[in-house]
Amino acid sequence: MWTDVSSIRTLYENNRVMNNTGAGIFYETSYDAVIRNNTILSNGSFSPDDWCWNAQLQIATSQNVEAYGNVILVNSANNGNGIMLIQQNRSSEPCTFGPCRVVNNFIHDNTIIVTGTRLHGSSGGAQDYTGQGDLFASTSNNRFTGNRYYVPDMKSAAYWQWANTSQTFNGFKLFGLEPTGTLNPNSTAAQ
């Protein structure tokens, strides 16, 4: 499912999105969305291992997105990621309702399950352009909180990305992210 170029007030709700080559739900260069109560499974499965793309839930150069209540499954054996915020130079886009940038995104109360033994399947943010601001700055107001993560290796830096660097869960939290988030071994995900 893909929304692109100056969409506004979009609602993605109660969908089952699975086994797509690229991203599961992709909200791109747009504004003011709610993405809730979706089941997003094993997307990005046939794409090249390309930076932080091919996420189950991918919010690229968009603002004011709230995502909650989603169940995300990432198979680390393929090239998908979890929930990613991505900032790129999109100044050539019309950006009808304000600058195309990653600000005021609220990612909360989702369940992210990573399976498999390959250390892959990140959630967080990445950018290769800062001309519209730094998505990692506290003034950008991008928040992750209350999410539940189930991963194969709880000490690994394979499952979180922030400040353009892989992070452990504790490293992710040092940026003020996930103050109420939880980390569990993936064997407990079904409980």
C-alpha atoms as a PDB file:
ATOM      1  CA  MET A   1       0.000   0.000   0.000  1.00  0.00           C
ATOM      2  CA  TRP A   2       1.605   3.222  -1.134  1.00  0.00           C
ATOM      3  CA  THR A   3       0.584   6.866  -0.819  1.00  0.00           C
ATOM      4  CA  ASP A   4       2.843   9.447  -2.454  1.00  0.00           C
ATOM      5  CA  VAL A   5       3.208  13.187  -3.178  1.00  0.00           C
ATOM      6  CA  SER A   6       1.180  15.589  -1.043  1.00  0.00           C
ATOM      7  CA  SER A   7      -1.487  13.223   0.224  1.00  0.00           C
ATOM      8  CA  ILE A   8      -3.120  14.511   3.392  1.00  0.00           C
ATOM      9  CA  ARG A   9      -5.324  13.069   6.153  1.00  0.00           C
ATOM     10  CA  THR A  10      -4.872   9.466   4.996  1.00  0.00           C
ATOM     11  CA  LEU A  11      -6.139   6.574   7.112  1.00  0.00           C
ATOM     12  CA  TYR A  12      -4.703   3.053   6.815  1.00  0.00           C
ATOM     13  CA  GLU A  13      -6.775   0.853   9.124  1.00  0.00           C
ATOM     14  CA  ASN A  14      -7.467  -2.872   9.644  1.00  0.00           C
ATOM     15  CA  ASN A  15      -5.452  -4.082   6.646  1.00  0.00           C
ATOM     16  CA  ARG A  16      -3.445  -7.263   6.249  1.00  0.00           C
ATOM     17  CA  VAL A  17      -0.370  -6.507   4.119  1.00  0.00           C
ATOM     18  CA  MET A  18       2.022  -9.360   3.446  1.00  0.00           C
ATOM     19  CA  ASN A  19       4.746 -10.810   1.232  1.00  0.00           C
ATOM     20  CA  ASN A  20       5.237  -7.768  -1.002  1.00  0.00           C
ATOM     21  CA  THR A  21       8.541  -7.276  -2.783  1.00  0.00           C
ATOM     22  CA  GLY A  22       9.056  -3.791  -1.295  1.00  0.00           C
ATOM     23  CA  ALA A  23       7.584  -1.966   1.683  1.00  0.00           C
ATOM     24  CA  GLY A  24       4.322  -3.114   3.262  1.00  0.00           C
ATOM     25  CA  ILE A  25       2.741   0.297   3.919  1.00  0.00           C
ATOM     26  CA  PHE A  26       4.707   3.170   2.371  1.00  0.00           C
ATOM     27  CA  TYR A  27       3.676   6.759   3.227  1.00  0.00           C
ATOM     28  CA  GLU A  28       5.828   9.083   1.114  1.00  0.00           C
ATOM     29  CA  THR A  29       6.196  12.888   0.828  1.00  0.00           C
ATOM     30  CA  SER A  30       2.814  13.395   2.497  1.00  0.00           C
ATOM     31  CA  TYR A  31       1.082  14.737   5.600  1.00  0.00           C
ATOM     32  CA  ASP A  32      -1.209  13.992   8.532  1.00  0.00           C
ATOM     33  CA  ALA A  33      -1.815  10.232   8.384  1.00  0.00           C
ATOM     34  CA  VAL A  34      -3.073   7.678  10.868  1.00  0.00           C
ATOM     35  CA  ILE A  35      -1.811   4.125  10.390  1.00  0.00           C
ATOM     36  CA  ARG A  36      -3.508   1.864  12.929  1.00  0.00           C
ATOM     37  CA  ASN A  37      -4.522  -1.695  13.689  1.00  0.00           C
ATOM     38  CA  ASN A  38      -2.872  -3.243  10.626  1.00  0.00           C
ATOM     39  CA  THR A  39      -1.127  -6.601  10.390  1.00  0.00           C
ATOM     40  CA  ILE A  40       2.012  -6.160   8.282  1.00  0.00           C
ATOM     41  CA  LEU A  41       3.982  -9.336   7.602  1.00  0.00           C
ATOM     42  CA  SER A  42       7.172 -10.355   5.768  1.00  0.00           C
ATOM     43  CA  ASN A  43       7.345  -7.550   3.200  1.00  0.00           C
ATOM     44  CA  GLY A  44      10.585  -6.579   1.449  1.00  0.00           C
ATOM     45  CA  SER A  45      11.205 -10.268   1.012  1.00  0.00           C
ATOM     46  CA  PHE A  46      12.566 -10.243  -2.525  1.00  0.00           C
ATOM     47  CA  SER A  47      14.231  -6.838  -2.694  1.00  0.00           C
ATOM     48  CA  PRO A  48      17.937  -6.134  -2.562  1.00  0.00           C
ATOM     49  CA  ASP A  49      19.383  -5.383   0.871  1.00  0.00           C
ATOM     50  CA  ASP A  50      19.193  -1.636   0.328  1.00  0.00           C
ATOM     51  CA  TRP A  51      19.962   0.774   3.204  1.00  0.00           C
ATOM     52  CA  CYS A  52      16.859   1.076   5.421  1.00  0.00           C
ATOM     53  CA  TRP A  53      14.231   0.622   2.699  1.00  0.00           C
ATOM     54  CA  ASN A  54      11.694  -2.180   2.390  1.00  0.00           C
ATOM     55  CA  ALA A  55      10.230  -1.663   5.849  1.00  0.00           C
ATOM     56  CA  GLN A  56       6.955  -3.197   6.922  1.00  0.00           C
ATOM     57  CA  LEU A  57       5.870   0.368   7.745  1.00  0.00           C
ATOM     58  CA  GLN A  58       7.914   3.008   5.917  1.00  0.00           C
ATOM     59  CA  ILE A  59       7.357   6.727   6.455  1.00  0.00           C
ATOM     60  CA  ALA A  60       9.537   8.670   4.026  1.00  0.00           C
ATOM     61  CA  THR A  61       9.898  12.441   3.998  1.00  0.00           C
ATOM     62  CA  SER A  62       6.448  12.815   5.592  1.00  0.00           C
ATOM     63  CA  GLN A  63       5.149  14.590   8.666  1.00  0.00           C
ATOM     64  CA  ASN A  64       2.452  14.334  11.314  1.00  0.00           C
ATOM     65  CA  VAL A  65       1.996  10.577  11.019  1.00  0.00           C
ATOM     66  CA  GLU A  66       0.666   8.579  13.959  1.00  0.00           C
ATOM     67  CA  ALA A  67       1.147   4.806  13.803  1.00  0.00           C
ATOM     68  CA  TYR A  68      -0.230   2.578  16.562  1.00  0.00           C
ATOM     69  CA  GLY A  69      -1.793  -0.786  17.250  1.00  0.00           C
ATOM     70  CA  ASN A  70      -0.017  -2.413  14.317  1.00  0.00           C
ATOM     71  CA  VAL A  71       1.444  -5.921  14.399  1.00  0.00           C
ATOM     72  CA  ILE A  72       4.697  -6.055  12.427  1.00  0.00           C
ATOM     73  CA  LEU A  73       6.519  -9.269  11.518  1.00  0.00           C
ATOM     74  CA  VAL A  74      10.017  -9.072  10.019  1.00  0.00           C
ATOM     75  CA  ASN A  75      11.721 -12.223   8.778  1.00  0.00           C
ATOM     76  CA  SER A  76      15.412 -11.406   9.214  1.00  0.00           C
ATOM     77  CA  ALA A  77      16.328 -14.009   6.595  1.00  0.00           C
ATOM     78  CA  ASN A  78      15.075 -11.633   3.909  1.00  0.00           C
ATOM     79  CA  ASN A  79      15.715  -7.923   3.454  1.00  0.00           C
ATOM     80  CA  GLY A  80      12.735  -6.239   5.115  1.00  0.00           C
ATOM     81  CA  ASN A  81      12.879  -3.819   8.037  1.00  0.00           C
ATOM     82  CA  GLY A  82      10.414  -2.971  10.821  1.00  0.00           C
ATOM     83  CA  ILE A  83       9.139   0.616  11.150  1.00  0.00           C
ATOM     84  CA  MET A  84      11.409   3.193   9.497  1.00  0.00           C
ATOM     85  CA  LEU A  85      11.376   6.981   9.202  1.00  0.00           C
ATOM     86  CA  ILE A  86      13.471   8.073   6.198  1.00  0.00           C
ATOM     87  CA  GLN A  87      14.518  11.624   5.242  1.00  0.00           C
ATOM     88  CA  GLN A  88      15.793  12.336   1.737  1.00  0.00           C
ATOM     89  CA  ASN A  89      16.049  15.377  -0.514  1.00  0.00           C
ATOM     90  CA  ARG A  90      12.619  15.705  -2.063  1.00  0.00           C
ATOM     91  CA  SER A  91      12.788  19.433  -2.808  1.00  0.00           C
ATOM     92  CA  SER A  92      11.740  18.748  -6.421  1.00  0.00           C
ATOM     93  CA  GLU A  93       8.359  17.402  -5.196  1.00  0.00           C
ATOM     94  CA  PRO A  94       5.384  19.805  -5.019  1.00  0.00           C
ATOM     95  CA  CYS A  95       5.158  19.514  -1.189  1.00  0.00           C
ATOM     96  CA  THR A  96       1.794  21.275  -1.253  1.00  0.00           C
ATOM     97  CA  PHE A  97       1.140  21.434   2.515  1.00  0.00           C
ATOM     98  CA  GLY A  98       4.599  22.446   3.793  1.00  0.00           C
ATOM     99  CA  PRO A  99       8.192  21.268   3.455  1.00  0.00           C
ATOM    100  CA  CYS A 100       8.724  17.597   2.652  1.00  0.00           C
ATOM    101  CA  ARG A 101      10.457  16.532   5.853  1.00  0.00           C
ATOM    102  CA  VAL A 102      10.286  13.999   8.648  1.00  0.00           C
ATOM    103  CA  VAL A 103       8.804  15.814  11.667  1.00  0.00           C
ATOM    104  CA  ASN A 104       6.101  15.234  14.283  1.00  0.00           C
ATOM    105  CA  ASN A 105       5.776  11.495  13.697  1.00  0.00           C
ATOM    106  CA  PHE A 106       4.453   9.472  16.622  1.00  0.00           C
ATOM    107  CA  ILE A 107       5.123   5.723  16.533  1.00  0.00           C
ATOM    108  CA  HIS A 108       3.591   4.066  19.589  1.00  0.00           C
ATOM    109  CA  ASP A 109       2.018   0.920  20.989  1.00  0.00           C
ATOM    110  CA  ASN A 110       2.922  -1.367  18.082  1.00  0.00           C
ATOM    111  CA  THR A 111       4.208  -4.935  18.284  1.00  0.00           C
ATOM    112  CA  ILE A 112       7.360  -5.600  16.233  1.00  0.00           C
ATOM    113  CA  ILE A 113       8.470  -9.237  15.956  1.00  0.00           C
ATOM    114  CA  VAL A 114      11.745 -10.195  14.271  1.00  0.00           C
ATOM    115  CA  THR A 115      12.239 -13.867  13.407  1.00  0.00           C
ATOM    116  CA  GLY A 116      15.201 -15.764  11.977  1.00  0.00           C
ATOM    117  CA  THR A 117      18.861 -15.767  12.921  1.00  0.00           C
ATOM    118  CA  ARG A 118      20.243 -13.130  10.537  1.00  0.00           C
ATOM    119  CA  LEU A 119      21.014  -9.865  12.315  1.00  0.00           C
ATOM    120  CA  HIS A 120      18.687  -7.685  10.242  1.00  0.00           C
ATOM    121  CA  GLY A 121      15.275  -5.996  10.544  1.00  0.00           C
ATOM    122  CA  SER A 122      15.701  -2.438  11.873  1.00  0.00           C
ATOM    123  CA  SER A 123      13.175   0.021  13.241  1.00  0.00           C
ATOM    124  CA  GLY A 124      13.960   3.706  13.773  1.00  0.00           C
ATOM    125  CA  GLY A 125      15.180   6.368  11.374  1.00  0.00           C
ATOM    126  CA  ALA A 126      17.750   7.163   8.710  1.00  0.00           C
ATOM    127  CA  GLN A 127      18.557  10.189   6.583  1.00  0.00           C
ATOM    128  CA  ASP A 128      20.909  11.141   3.783  1.00  0.00           C
ATOM    129  CA  TYR A 129      19.815  14.799   3.585  1.00  0.00           C
ATOM    130  CA  THR A 130      19.566  17.519   6.244  1.00  0.00           C
ATOM    131  CA  GLY A 131      18.510  20.488   4.081  1.00  0.00           C
ATOM    132  CA  GLN A 132      15.015  20.427   5.634  1.00  0.00           C
ATOM    133  CA  GLY A 133      16.273  19.754   9.163  1.00  0.00           C
ATOM    134  CA  ASP A 134      17.635  16.821  11.088  1.00  0.00           C
ATOM    135  CA  LEU A 135      15.043  14.101  11.702  1.00  0.00           C
ATOM    136  CA  PHE A 136      17.027  13.010  14.781  1.00  0.00           C
ATOM    137  CA  ALA A 137      16.922  16.440  16.501  1.00  0.00           C
ATOM    138  CA  SER A 138      14.561  16.742  19.459  1.00  0.00           C
ATOM    139  CA  THR A 139      12.984  19.755  17.703  1.00  0.00           C
ATOM    140  CA  SER A 140      11.846  17.414  14.908  1.00  0.00           C
ATOM    141  CA  ASN A 141       9.578  15.741  17.479  1.00  0.00           C
ATOM    142  CA  ASN A 142       9.820  12.219  16.033  1.00  0.00           C
ATOM    143  CA  ARG A 143       8.836   9.842  18.821  1.00  0.00           C
ATOM    144  CA  PHE A 144       8.873   6.102  19.411  1.00  0.00           C
ATOM    145  CA  THR A 145       7.253   4.969  22.667  1.00  0.00           C
ATOM    146  CA  GLY A 146       5.357   2.044  24.119  1.00  0.00           C
ATOM    147  CA  ASN A 147       6.314  -0.324  21.312  1.00  0.00           C
ATOM    148  CA  ARG A 148       6.904  -3.982  22.125  1.00  0.00           C
ATOM    149  CA  TYR A 149       9.894  -5.602  20.409  1.00  0.00           C
ATOM    150  CA  TYR A 150      10.500  -9.342  20.186  1.00  0.00           C
ATOM    151  CA  VAL A 151      13.934 -10.108  18.712  1.00  0.00           C
ATOM    152  CA  PRO A 152      16.245 -13.147  18.473  1.00  0.00           C
ATOM    153  CA  ASP A 153      19.237 -11.438  20.131  1.00  0.00           C
ATOM    154  CA  MET A 154      18.352  -8.865  22.792  1.00  0.00           C
ATOM    155  CA  LYS A 155      21.946  -7.532  22.959  1.00  0.00           C
ATOM    156  CA  SER A 156      22.310  -6.957  19.209  1.00  0.00           C
ATOM    157  CA  ALA A 157      22.477  -3.600  17.433  1.00  0.00           C
ATOM    158  CA  ALA A 158      20.788  -5.132  14.360  1.00  0.00           C
ATOM    159  CA  TYR A 159      17.216  -4.118  15.187  1.00  0.00           C
ATOM    160  CA  TRP A 160      17.320  -0.339  15.771  1.00  0.00           C
ATOM    161  CA  GLN A 161      18.663   2.536  13.678  1.00  0.00           C
ATOM    162  CA  TRP A 162      19.043   6.141  14.841  1.00  0.00           C
ATOM    163  CA  ALA A 163      21.489   8.956  14.057  1.00  0.00           C
ATOM    164  CA  ASN A 164      22.453   6.926  10.956  1.00  0.00           C
ATOM    165  CA  THR A 165      23.978   4.238  13.157  1.00  0.00           C
ATOM    166  CA  SER A 166      22.840   0.808  14.248  1.00  0.00           C
ATOM    167  CA  GLN A 167      21.816   0.855  17.909  1.00  0.00           C
ATOM    168  CA  THR A 168      21.181  -1.625  20.672  1.00  0.00           C
ATOM    169  CA  PHE A 169      17.829  -1.176  22.396  1.00  0.00           C
ATOM    170  CA  ASN A 170      19.562   0.647  25.260  1.00  0.00           C
ATOM    171  CA  GLY A 171      21.399   2.851  22.737  1.00  0.00           C
ATOM    172  CA  PHE A 172      18.080   3.656  21.051  1.00  0.00           C
ATOM    173  CA  LYS A 173      16.658   4.646  24.439  1.00  0.00           C
ATOM    174  CA  LEU A 174      19.603   7.006  25.113  1.00  0.00           C
ATOM    175  CA  PHE A 175      18.146   9.289  22.419  1.00  0.00           C
ATOM    176  CA  GLY A 176      14.936   9.610  24.444  1.00  0.00           C
ATOM    177  CA  LEU A 177      13.179   6.999  22.328  1.00  0.00           C
ATOM    178  CA  GLU A 178      11.085   4.183  23.768  1.00  0.00           C
ATOM    179  CA  PRO A 179      10.801   5.466  27.356  1.00  0.00           C
ATOM    180  CA  THR A 180       7.990   2.937  27.873  1.00  0.00           C
ATOM    181  CA  GLY A 181       8.946   0.469  25.137  1.00  0.00           C
ATOM    182  CA  THR A 182       9.750  -3.145  26.004  1.00  0.00           C
ATOM    183  CA  LEU A 183      12.263  -5.676  24.704  1.00  0.00           C
ATOM    184  CA  ASN A 184      11.624  -9.416  24.850  1.00  0.00           C
ATOM    185  CA  PRO A 185      13.106 -12.557  23.308  1.00  0.00           C
ATOM    186  CA  ASN A 186      11.030 -13.482  20.248  1.00  0.00           C
ATOM    187  CA  SER A 187      10.112 -16.820  21.845  1.00  0.00           C
ATOM    188  CA  THR A 188       7.611 -14.906  24.033  1.00  0.00           C
ATOM    189  CA  ALA A 189       5.815 -13.136  21.166  1.00  0.00           C
ATOM    190  CA  ALA A 190       2.907 -15.566  21.060  1.00  0.00           C
ATOM    191  CA  GLN A 191       2.096 -15.196  24.757  1.00  0.00           C
END
